[in-house]
Amino acid sequence: MRLSNNLVGLVNLLTLILSIPILGGGIWLSHRAHTDCEKFLEKPIIAIGVILLLISLAGLIGSCCRANFLLWVYLLVMFLLIVVLFCFTVFAFVVTNKGAGQALSGKGYKEYRLGDYSNWLQKRVTNGKNWNRIRSCLVDGKVCQSLENENQTTVAEFYAKNLSPIQSGCCKPPTDCGFQYVSPTVWDVVGTTNSIDSDCALWSNNQTELCFGCQSCKAGVLQNIKTDWKKVAIVNIIFLIFLIIVYTVGCCAFRNNRVDNSRWKPYP
């Protein structure tokens, strides 16, 4: 068996081994999931595990057993995966190009506005069903708990904090509201605010509500998505290079199989 077949077989053996814990984790999560956030993850994890398992089997059997049809299917799936990853990488850079936090005078954190981000991302979080699921994840993940536990923090110390985008948008009211600081997640609504920001009316000192329904919270989530997607896009570029190399080696293995099969073909 030639070197290219051995390399393809080795790569797919490793992928096959990797797919087993991924699939097992998805099945375990499907039986243990109680929140919408956990249930949202179970199907994608199971799907990834099954796809990896099937692709690995096709590549492993096709390269090691000279099964040309399976190797052809493997190469076709690899080609489609390369195209999809390339399109997603370009798309991720395009939709995350807009949007940035607004620096505030005398504050260590930034505030975020929903309208600063791309229309496509805005539509994803303003959709009621999507946002209810995201909100459930934020509440279950207790993103504001670290601030809730800092009841002794003075207003000067709070303003100097470097809050994450989600903490800035979801765990406190916008600065424009002019509310009086009591603690990081408790603010005194003094009289009527002159701010035109609709988030001011949505703020609640209830620790399960806070500003989770605010536009600023959605903007904070989008800022996190923007940062994460850019990281994923960079990883995708590295992964694409790896896939192209594996695809090229797979093509060599496919050619070797055809040559070997023609040699072993019986003469009439």
C-alpha atoms as a PDB file:
ATOM      1  CA  MET A   1       0.000   0.000   0.000  1.00  0.00           C
ATOM      2  CA  ARG A   2       1.359   3.392  -0.934  1.00  0.00           C
ATOM      3  CA  LEU A   3       2.234   6.296   1.350  1.00  0.00           C
ATOM      4  CA  SER A   4      -0.816   8.418   0.405  1.00  0.00           C
ATOM      5  CA  ASN A   5      -3.179   5.566   1.330  1.00  0.00           C
ATOM      6  CA  ASN A   6      -1.416   5.135   4.667  1.00  0.00           C
ATOM      7  CA  LEU A   7      -1.674   8.852   5.452  1.00  0.00           C
ATOM      8  CA  VAL A   8      -5.373   9.021   4.584  1.00  0.00           C
ATOM      9  CA  GLY A   9      -6.004   5.884   6.631  1.00  0.00           C
ATOM     10  CA  LEU A  10      -4.121   7.298   9.639  1.00  0.00           C
ATOM     11  CA  VAL A  11      -5.928  10.655   9.528  1.00  0.00           C
ATOM     12  CA  ASN A  12      -9.323   8.954   9.331  1.00  0.00           C
ATOM     13  CA  LEU A  13      -8.462   6.528  12.109  1.00  0.00           C
ATOM     14  CA  LEU A  14      -7.713   9.479  14.394  1.00  0.00           C
ATOM     15  CA  THR A  15     -10.933  11.225  13.282  1.00  0.00           C
ATOM     16  CA  LEU A  16     -12.898   8.019  13.908  1.00  0.00           C
ATOM     17  CA  ILE A  17     -11.529   7.802  17.446  1.00  0.00           C
ATOM     18  CA  LEU A  18     -12.361  11.491  18.001  1.00  0.00           C
ATOM     19  CA  SER A  19     -15.953  11.064  16.778  1.00  0.00           C
ATOM     20  CA  ILE A  20     -16.789   8.470  19.453  1.00  0.00           C
ATOM     21  CA  PRO A  21     -16.511  10.771  22.537  1.00  0.00           C
ATOM     22  CA  ILE A  22     -18.223  13.595  20.600  1.00  0.00           C
ATOM     23  CA  LEU A  23     -21.166  11.333  19.745  1.00  0.00           C
ATOM     24  CA  GLY A  24     -21.228   9.918  23.266  1.00  0.00           C
ATOM     25  CA  GLY A  25     -21.210  13.426  24.749  1.00  0.00           C
ATOM     26  CA  GLY A  26     -24.167  14.441  22.598  1.00  0.00           C
ATOM     27  CA  ILE A  27     -26.169  11.361  23.601  1.00  0.00           C
ATOM     28  CA  TRP A  28     -25.311  11.931  27.283  1.00  0.00           C
ATOM     29  CA  LEU A  29     -26.382  15.571  27.001  1.00  0.00           C
ATOM     30  CA  SER A  30     -29.678  14.593  25.354  1.00  0.00           C
ATOM     31  CA  HIS A  31     -30.547  12.537  28.444  1.00  0.00           C
ATOM     32  CA  ARG A  32     -29.276  15.077  30.979  1.00  0.00           C
ATOM     33  CA  ALA A  33     -30.337  18.386  29.399  1.00  0.00           C
ATOM     34  CA  HIS A  34     -32.852  20.345  31.467  1.00  0.00           C
ATOM     35  CA  THR A  35     -32.522  23.917  30.197  1.00  0.00           C
ATOM     36  CA  ASP A  36     -33.182  25.356  26.728  1.00  0.00           C
ATOM     37  CA  CYS A  37     -29.502  26.255  26.509  1.00  0.00           C
ATOM     38  CA  GLU A  38     -28.402  22.658  27.054  1.00  0.00           C
ATOM     39  CA  LYS A  39     -31.083  21.272  24.718  1.00  0.00           C
ATOM     40  CA  PHE A  40     -29.942  23.656  22.009  1.00  0.00           C
ATOM     41  CA  LEU A  41     -26.489  22.010  22.025  1.00  0.00           C
ATOM     42  CA  GLU A  42     -27.455  18.335  21.997  1.00  0.00           C
ATOM     43  CA  LYS A  43     -28.589  17.976  18.348  1.00  0.00           C
ATOM     44  CA  PRO A  44     -25.600  19.784  16.755  1.00  0.00           C
ATOM     45  CA  ILE A  45     -23.160  17.721  18.872  1.00  0.00           C
ATOM     46  CA  ILE A  46     -24.835  14.430  17.888  1.00  0.00           C
ATOM     47  CA  ALA A  47     -24.926  15.501  14.228  1.00  0.00           C
ATOM     48  CA  ILE A  48     -21.210  16.391  14.247  1.00  0.00           C
ATOM     49  CA  GLY A  49     -20.356  13.060  15.880  1.00  0.00           C
ATOM     50  CA  VAL A  50     -22.387  11.023  13.353  1.00  0.00           C
ATOM     51  CA  ILE A  51     -20.975  12.922  10.340  1.00  0.00           C
ATOM     52  CA  LEU A  52     -17.391  12.529  11.568  1.00  0.00           C
ATOM     53  CA  LEU A  53     -17.984   8.810  12.196  1.00  0.00           C
ATOM     54  CA  LEU A  54     -19.411   8.146   8.720  1.00  0.00           C
ATOM     55  CA  ILE A  55     -16.818  10.229   6.873  1.00  0.00           C
ATOM     56  CA  SER A  56     -13.981   8.586   8.810  1.00  0.00           C
ATOM     57  CA  LEU A  57     -15.278   5.098   8.060  1.00  0.00           C
ATOM     58  CA  ALA A  58     -15.613   5.901   4.351  1.00  0.00           C
ATOM     59  CA  GLY A  59     -12.084   7.325   4.187  1.00  0.00           C
ATOM     60  CA  LEU A  60     -10.555   4.534   6.272  1.00  0.00           C
ATOM     61  CA  ILE A  61     -12.161   1.658   4.349  1.00  0.00           C
ATOM     62  CA  GLY A  62     -11.709   3.384   1.002  1.00  0.00           C
ATOM     63  CA  SER A  63      -7.985   3.990   1.488  1.00  0.00           C
ATOM     64  CA  CYS A  64      -7.048   0.749   3.228  1.00  0.00           C
ATOM     65  CA  CYS A  65      -9.274  -1.727   1.350  1.00  0.00           C
ATOM     66  CA  ARG A  66      -9.003  -0.147  -2.104  1.00  0.00           C
ATOM     67  CA  ALA A  67     -12.775   0.543  -2.102  1.00  0.00           C
ATOM     68  CA  ASN A  68     -12.883   3.189  -4.807  1.00  0.00           C
ATOM     69  CA  PHE A  69     -16.564   4.042  -4.402  1.00  0.00           C
ATOM     70  CA  LEU A  70     -16.210   4.802  -0.676  1.00  0.00           C
ATOM     71  CA  LEU A  71     -13.061   6.821  -1.294  1.00  0.00           C
ATOM     72  CA  TRP A  72     -14.873   8.743  -4.048  1.00  0.00           C
ATOM     73  CA  VAL A  73     -17.720   9.534  -1.617  1.00  0.00           C
ATOM     74  CA  TYR A  74     -15.144  10.599   0.986  1.00  0.00           C
ATOM     75  CA  LEU A  75     -13.425  12.960  -1.461  1.00  0.00           C
ATOM     76  CA  LEU A  76     -16.768  14.420  -2.571  1.00  0.00           C
ATOM     77  CA  VAL A  77     -17.756  15.165   1.035  1.00  0.00           C
ATOM     78  CA  MET A  78     -14.322  16.640   1.710  1.00  0.00           C
ATOM     79  CA  PHE A  79     -14.640  18.903  -1.333  1.00  0.00           C
ATOM     80  CA  LEU A  80     -18.078  20.116  -0.217  1.00  0.00           C
ATOM     81  CA  LEU A  81     -16.743  20.699   3.305  1.00  0.00           C
ATOM     82  CA  ILE A  82     -13.881  22.794   1.931  1.00  0.00           C
ATOM     83  CA  VAL A  83     -16.325  24.905  -0.106  1.00  0.00           C
ATOM     84  CA  VAL A  84     -18.698  25.367   2.858  1.00  0.00           C
ATOM     85  CA  LEU A  85     -15.883  26.306   5.258  1.00  0.00           C
ATOM     86  CA  PHE A  86     -14.444  28.771   2.756  1.00  0.00           C
ATOM     87  CA  CYS A  87     -17.862  30.436   2.270  1.00  0.00           C
ATOM     88  CA  PHE A  88     -18.500  30.550   6.027  1.00  0.00           C
ATOM     89  CA  THR A  89     -15.076  32.100   6.676  1.00  0.00           C
ATOM     90  CA  VAL A  90     -15.688  34.850   4.131  1.00  0.00           C
ATOM     91  CA  PHE A  91     -19.227  35.366   5.477  1.00  0.00           C
ATOM     92  CA  ALA A  92     -17.970  35.576   9.086  1.00  0.00           C
ATOM     93  CA  PHE A  93     -15.485  38.328   8.194  1.00  0.00           C
ATOM     94  CA  VAL A  94     -18.179  40.266   6.283  1.00  0.00           C
ATOM     95  CA  VAL A  95     -20.938  40.203   8.931  1.00  0.00           C
ATOM     96  CA  THR A  96     -18.558  40.962  11.820  1.00  0.00           C
ATOM     97  CA  ASN A  97     -16.927  43.913  10.088  1.00  0.00           C
ATOM     98  CA  LYS A  98     -19.337  46.430  11.647  1.00  0.00           C
ATOM     99  CA  GLY A  99     -19.872  47.224  15.325  1.00  0.00           C
ATOM    100  CA  ALA A 100     -17.692  48.359  18.192  1.00  0.00           C
ATOM    101  CA  GLY A 101     -18.108  49.486  21.779  1.00  0.00           C
ATOM    102  CA  GLN A 102     -18.399  53.157  22.662  1.00  0.00           C
ATOM    103  CA  ALA A 103     -15.815  54.364  25.159  1.00  0.00           C
ATOM    104  CA  LEU A 104     -17.251  56.409  28.038  1.00  0.00           C
ATOM    105  CA  SER A 105     -15.468  59.231  29.809  1.00  0.00           C
ATOM    106  CA  GLY A 106     -14.303  58.146  33.267  1.00  0.00           C
ATOM    107  CA  LYS A 107     -15.442  54.535  32.786  1.00  0.00           C
ATOM    108  CA  GLY A 108     -13.309  51.421  32.495  1.00  0.00           C
ATOM    109  CA  TYR A 109     -15.928  49.660  30.374  1.00  0.00           C
ATOM    110  CA  LYS A 110     -17.619  50.327  27.057  1.00  0.00           C
ATOM    111  CA  GLU A 111     -21.296  50.378  26.125  1.00  0.00           C
ATOM    112  CA  TYR A 112     -22.806  48.856  23.003  1.00  0.00           C
ATOM    113  CA  ARG A 113     -25.598  49.869  20.619  1.00  0.00           C
ATOM    114  CA  LEU A 114     -27.576  47.306  18.626  1.00  0.00           C
ATOM    115  CA  GLY A 115     -27.809  49.533  15.554  1.00  0.00           C
ATOM    116  CA  ASP A 116     -24.017  49.546  15.158  1.00  0.00           C
ATOM    117  CA  TYR A 117     -23.934  45.909  14.039  1.00  0.00           C
ATOM    118  CA  SER A 118     -24.743  44.311  10.685  1.00  0.00           C
ATOM    119  CA  ASN A 119     -28.423  43.924   9.787  1.00  0.00           C
ATOM    120  CA  TRP A 120     -28.057  40.152   9.464  1.00  0.00           C
ATOM    121  CA  LEU A 121     -26.778  39.798  13.046  1.00  0.00           C
ATOM    122  CA  GLN A 122     -29.422  42.215  14.342  1.00  0.00           C
ATOM    123  CA  LYS A 123     -32.213  40.117  12.819  1.00  0.00           C
ATOM    124  CA  ARG A 124     -30.876  36.996  14.522  1.00  0.00           C
ATOM    125  CA  VAL A 125     -31.107  38.471  18.048  1.00  0.00           C
ATOM    126  CA  THR A 126     -34.276  40.535  17.561  1.00  0.00           C
ATOM    127  CA  ASN A 127     -36.147  37.378  16.576  1.00  0.00           C
ATOM    128  CA  GLY A 128     -38.258  36.552  19.627  1.00  0.00           C
ATOM    129  CA  LYS A 129     -37.657  32.789  19.564  1.00  0.00           C
ATOM    130  CA  ASN A 130     -33.896  33.183  19.156  1.00  0.00           C
ATOM    131  CA  TRP A 131     -33.611  35.786  21.887  1.00  0.00           C
ATOM    132  CA  ASN A 132     -35.651  33.782  24.390  1.00  0.00           C
ATOM    133  CA  ARG A 133     -33.196  30.927  23.934  1.00  0.00           C
ATOM    134  CA  ILE A 134     -30.165  33.209  24.253  1.00  0.00           C
ATOM    135  CA  ARG A 135     -31.685  34.918  27.287  1.00  0.00           C
ATOM    136  CA  SER A 136     -32.268  31.522  28.909  1.00  0.00           C
ATOM    137  CA  CYS A 137     -28.578  30.703  28.378  1.00  0.00           C
ATOM    138  CA  LEU A 138     -27.510  34.021  29.914  1.00  0.00           C
ATOM    139  CA  VAL A 139     -29.680  33.507  32.986  1.00  0.00           C
ATOM    140  CA  ASP A 140     -28.658  29.855  33.396  1.00  0.00           C
ATOM    141  CA  GLY A 141     -25.012  30.794  32.907  1.00  0.00           C
ATOM    142  CA  LYS A 142     -25.294  33.415  35.706  1.00  0.00           C
ATOM    143  CA  VAL A 143     -23.320  35.959  33.700  1.00  0.00           C
ATOM    144  CA  CYS A 144     -24.064  38.662  36.287  1.00  0.00           C
ATOM    145  CA  GLN A 145     -23.391  36.596  39.406  1.00  0.00           C
ATOM    146  CA  SER A 146     -19.836  37.896  39.882  1.00  0.00           C
ATOM    147  CA  LEU A 147     -21.243  41.435  39.992  1.00  0.00           C
ATOM    148  CA  GLU A 148     -24.121  40.443  42.278  1.00  0.00           C
ATOM    149  CA  ASN A 149     -21.604  39.184  44.846  1.00  0.00           C
ATOM    150  CA  GLU A 150     -19.761  42.531  44.966  1.00  0.00           C
ATOM    151  CA  ASN A 151     -22.245  44.409  47.134  1.00  0.00           C
ATOM    152  CA  GLN A 152     -19.472  46.346  48.890  1.00  0.00           C
ATOM    153  CA  THR A 153     -18.059  47.785  45.650  1.00  0.00           C
ATOM    154  CA  THR A 154     -18.134  51.582  45.640  1.00  0.00           C
ATOM    155  CA  VAL A 155     -19.407  53.523  42.648  1.00  0.00           C
ATOM    156  CA  ALA A 156     -15.864  54.677  41.809  1.00  0.00           C
ATOM    157  CA  GLU A 157     -14.593  51.094  41.893  1.00  0.00           C
ATOM    158  CA  PHE A 158     -17.495  49.938  39.726  1.00  0.00           C
ATOM    159  CA  TYR A 159     -16.945  52.622  37.097  1.00  0.00           C
ATOM    160  CA  ALA A 160     -13.276  51.620  36.907  1.00  0.00           C
ATOM    161  CA  LYS A 161     -14.126  47.972  36.176  1.00  0.00           C
ATOM    162  CA  ASN A 162     -13.368  46.431  32.796  1.00  0.00           C
ATOM    163  CA  LEU A 163     -16.736  44.766  32.230  1.00  0.00           C
ATOM    164  CA  SER A 164     -17.280  42.225  29.471  1.00  0.00           C
ATOM    165  CA  PRO A 165     -19.685  43.257  26.670  1.00  0.00           C
ATOM    166  CA  ILE A 166     -22.424  41.027  28.104  1.00  0.00           C
ATOM    167  CA  GLN A 167     -21.945  42.348  31.647  1.00  0.00           C
ATOM    168  CA  SER A 168     -21.995  45.923  30.379  1.00  0.00           C
ATOM    169  CA  GLY A 169     -25.137  45.405  28.324  1.00  0.00           C
ATOM    170  CA  CYS A 170     -27.131  42.952  30.453  1.00  0.00           C
ATOM    171  CA  CYS A 171     -26.153  43.490  34.111  1.00  0.00           C
ATOM    172  CA  LYS A 172     -26.543  47.270  34.472  1.00  0.00           C
ATOM    173  CA  PRO A 173     -28.694  50.026  32.952  1.00  0.00           C
ATOM    174  CA  PRO A 174     -27.271  52.287  30.213  1.00  0.00           C
ATOM    175  CA  THR A 175     -25.357  55.309  31.524  1.00  0.00           C
ATOM    176  CA  ASP A 176     -27.738  57.667  29.686  1.00  0.00           C
ATOM    177  CA  CYS A 177     -30.559  56.627  32.023  1.00  0.00           C
ATOM    178  CA  GLY A 178     -28.933  58.546  34.887  1.00  0.00           C
ATOM    179  CA  PHE A 179     -29.923  56.006  37.541  1.00  0.00           C
ATOM    180  CA  GLN A 180     -28.266  56.248  40.961  1.00  0.00           C
ATOM    181  CA  TYR A 181     -25.790  53.519  41.847  1.00  0.00           C
ATOM    182  CA  VAL A 182     -26.604  51.292  44.835  1.00  0.00           C
ATOM    183  CA  SER A 183     -24.626  48.155  43.952  1.00  0.00           C
ATOM    184  CA  PRO A 184     -23.373  46.698  40.643  1.00  0.00           C
ATOM    185  CA  THR A 185     -26.755  45.107  39.888  1.00  0.00           C
ATOM    186  CA  VAL A 186     -29.054  47.371  41.915  1.00  0.00           C
ATOM    187  CA  TRP A 187     -29.769  50.927  40.739  1.00  0.00           C
ATOM    188  CA  ASP A 188     -32.150  53.513  42.142  1.00  0.00           C
ATOM    189  CA  VAL A 189     -34.509  54.893  39.503  1.00  0.00           C
ATOM    190  CA  VAL A 190     -34.540  58.548  40.546  1.00  0.00           C
ATOM    191  CA  GLY A 191     -37.664  60.334  39.303  1.00  0.00           C
ATOM    192  CA  THR A 192     -38.257  60.304  35.550  1.00  0.00           C
ATOM    193  CA  THR A 193     -35.381  60.055  33.130  1.00  0.00           C
ATOM    194  CA  ASN A 194     -35.051  62.385  30.168  1.00  0.00           C
ATOM    195  CA  SER A 195     -33.200  59.762  28.167  1.00  0.00           C
ATOM    196  CA  ILE A 196     -34.749  58.598  24.899  1.00  0.00           C
ATOM    197  CA  ASP A 197     -33.147  55.192  25.404  1.00  0.00           C
ATOM    198  CA  SER A 198     -35.972  52.625  25.596  1.00  0.00           C
ATOM    199  CA  ASP A 199     -33.761  50.375  27.739  1.00  0.00           C
ATOM    200  CA  CYS A 200     -34.300  52.710  30.711  1.00  0.00           C
ATOM    201  CA  ALA A 201     -37.912  51.553  31.032  1.00  0.00           C
ATOM    202  CA  LEU A 202     -36.879  47.887  30.730  1.00  0.00           C
ATOM    203  CA  TRP A 203     -34.357  47.902  33.585  1.00  0.00           C
ATOM    204  CA  SER A 204     -35.354  45.881  36.668  1.00  0.00           C
ATOM    205  CA  ASN A 205     -33.584  45.345  39.996  1.00  0.00           C
ATOM    206  CA  ASN A 206     -34.971  41.804  39.979  1.00  0.00           C
ATOM    207  CA  GLN A 207     -31.800  39.714  39.679  1.00  0.00           C
ATOM    208  CA  THR A 208     -33.425  37.357  37.153  1.00  0.00           C
ATOM    209  CA  GLU A 209     -34.528  40.258  34.949  1.00  0.00           C
ATOM    210  CA  LEU A 210     -31.952  43.092  35.170  1.00  0.00           C
ATOM    211  CA  CYS A 211     -31.468  44.303  31.568  1.00  0.00           C
ATOM    212  CA  PHE A 212     -31.835  40.921  29.839  1.00  0.00           C
ATOM    213  CA  GLY A 213     -34.647  42.352  27.725  1.00  0.00           C
ATOM    214  CA  CYS A 214     -32.686  45.466  26.733  1.00  0.00           C
ATOM    215  CA  GLN A 215     -31.312  46.358  23.321  1.00  0.00           C
ATOM    216  CA  SER A 216     -27.954  46.961  25.014  1.00  0.00           C
ATOM    217  CA  CYS A 217     -27.926  43.319  26.181  1.00  0.00           C
ATOM    218  CA  LYS A 218     -28.525  42.128  22.625  1.00  0.00           C
ATOM    219  CA  ALA A 219     -25.714  44.415  21.466  1.00  0.00           C
ATOM    220  CA  GLY A 220     -23.406  42.952  24.122  1.00  0.00           C
ATOM    221  CA  VAL A 221     -24.212  39.446  22.902  1.00  0.00           C
ATOM    222  CA  LEU A 222     -23.471  40.515  19.308  1.00  0.00           C
ATOM    223  CA  GLN A 223     -20.127  41.958  20.382  1.00  0.00           C
ATOM    224  CA  ASN A 224     -19.268  38.591  21.936  1.00  0.00           C
ATOM    225  CA  ILE A 225     -20.408  36.818  18.763  1.00  0.00           C
ATOM    226  CA  LYS A 226     -18.334  39.190  16.650  1.00  0.00           C
ATOM    227  CA  THR A 227     -15.203  38.493  18.707  1.00  0.00           C
ATOM    228  CA  ASP A 228     -15.788  34.729  18.751  1.00  0.00           C
ATOM    229  CA  TRP A 229     -16.610  34.506  15.041  1.00  0.00           C
ATOM    230  CA  LYS A 230     -13.404  36.305  14.117  1.00  0.00           C
ATOM    231  CA  LYS A 231     -11.446  33.800  16.194  1.00  0.00           C
ATOM    232  CA  VAL A 232     -13.356  30.929  14.563  1.00  0.00           C
ATOM    233  CA  ALA A 233     -12.687  32.388  11.105  1.00  0.00           C
ATOM    234  CA  ILE A 234      -8.941  32.447  11.795  1.00  0.00           C
ATOM    235  CA  VAL A 235      -9.058  28.833  13.032  1.00  0.00           C
ATOM    236  CA  ASN A 236     -11.077  27.942   9.908  1.00  0.00           C
ATOM    237  CA  ILE A 237      -8.308  29.277   7.672  1.00  0.00           C
ATOM    238  CA  ILE A 238      -5.808  26.947   9.367  1.00  0.00           C
ATOM    239  CA  PHE A 239      -8.310  24.065   9.194  1.00  0.00           C
ATOM    240  CA  LEU A 240      -8.957  24.778   5.504  1.00  0.00           C
ATOM    241  CA  ILE A 241      -5.257  24.464   4.725  1.00  0.00           C
ATOM    242  CA  PHE A 242      -5.219  21.120   6.570  1.00  0.00           C
ATOM    243  CA  LEU A 243      -8.324  19.902   4.697  1.00  0.00           C
ATOM    244  CA  ILE A 244      -6.863  20.879   1.329  1.00  0.00           C
ATOM    245  CA  ILE A 245      -3.697  18.905   2.118  1.00  0.00           C
ATOM    246  CA  VAL A 246      -5.740  15.857   3.204  1.00  0.00           C
ATOM    247  CA  TYR A 247      -7.957  16.211   0.119  1.00  0.00           C
ATOM    248  CA  THR A 248      -4.879  16.314  -2.141  1.00  0.00           C
ATOM    249  CA  VAL A 249      -3.407  13.220  -0.486  1.00  0.00           C
ATOM    250  CA  GLY A 250      -6.822  11.537  -0.781  1.00  0.00           C
ATOM    251  CA  CYS A 251      -6.857  12.223  -4.518  1.00  0.00           C
ATOM    252  CA  CYS A 252      -3.460  10.515  -4.757  1.00  0.00           C
ATOM    253  CA  ALA A 253      -4.824   7.536  -2.813  1.00  0.00           C
ATOM    254  CA  PHE A 254      -7.838   7.366  -5.138  1.00  0.00           C
ATOM    255  CA  ARG A 255      -5.527   7.322  -8.162  1.00  0.00           C
ATOM    256  CA  ASN A 256      -3.395   4.618  -6.523  1.00  0.00           C
ATOM    257  CA  ASN A 257      -6.506   2.497  -5.938  1.00  0.00           C
ATOM    258  CA  ARG A 258      -7.462   2.735  -9.592  1.00  0.00           C
ATOM    259  CA  VAL A 259      -3.965   1.758 -10.696  1.00  0.00           C
ATOM    260  CA  ASP A 260      -3.817  -1.156  -8.237  1.00  0.00           C
ATOM    261  CA  ASN A 261      -7.302  -2.368  -9.207  1.00  0.00           C
ATOM    262  CA  SER A 262      -6.370  -2.314 -12.882  1.00  0.00           C
ATOM    263  CA  ARG A 263      -3.267  -4.384 -12.135  1.00  0.00           C
ATOM    264  CA  TRP A 264      -5.273  -6.976 -10.236  1.00  0.00           C
ATOM    265  CA  LYS A 265      -8.006  -7.115 -12.862  1.00  0.00           C
ATOM    266  CA  PRO A 266      -8.049 -10.636 -14.338  1.00  0.00           C
ATOM    267  CA  TYR A 267      -7.364 -11.052 -18.028  1.00  0.00           C
ATOM    268  CA  PRO A 268     -10.078 -12.721 -20.149  1.00  0.00           C
END
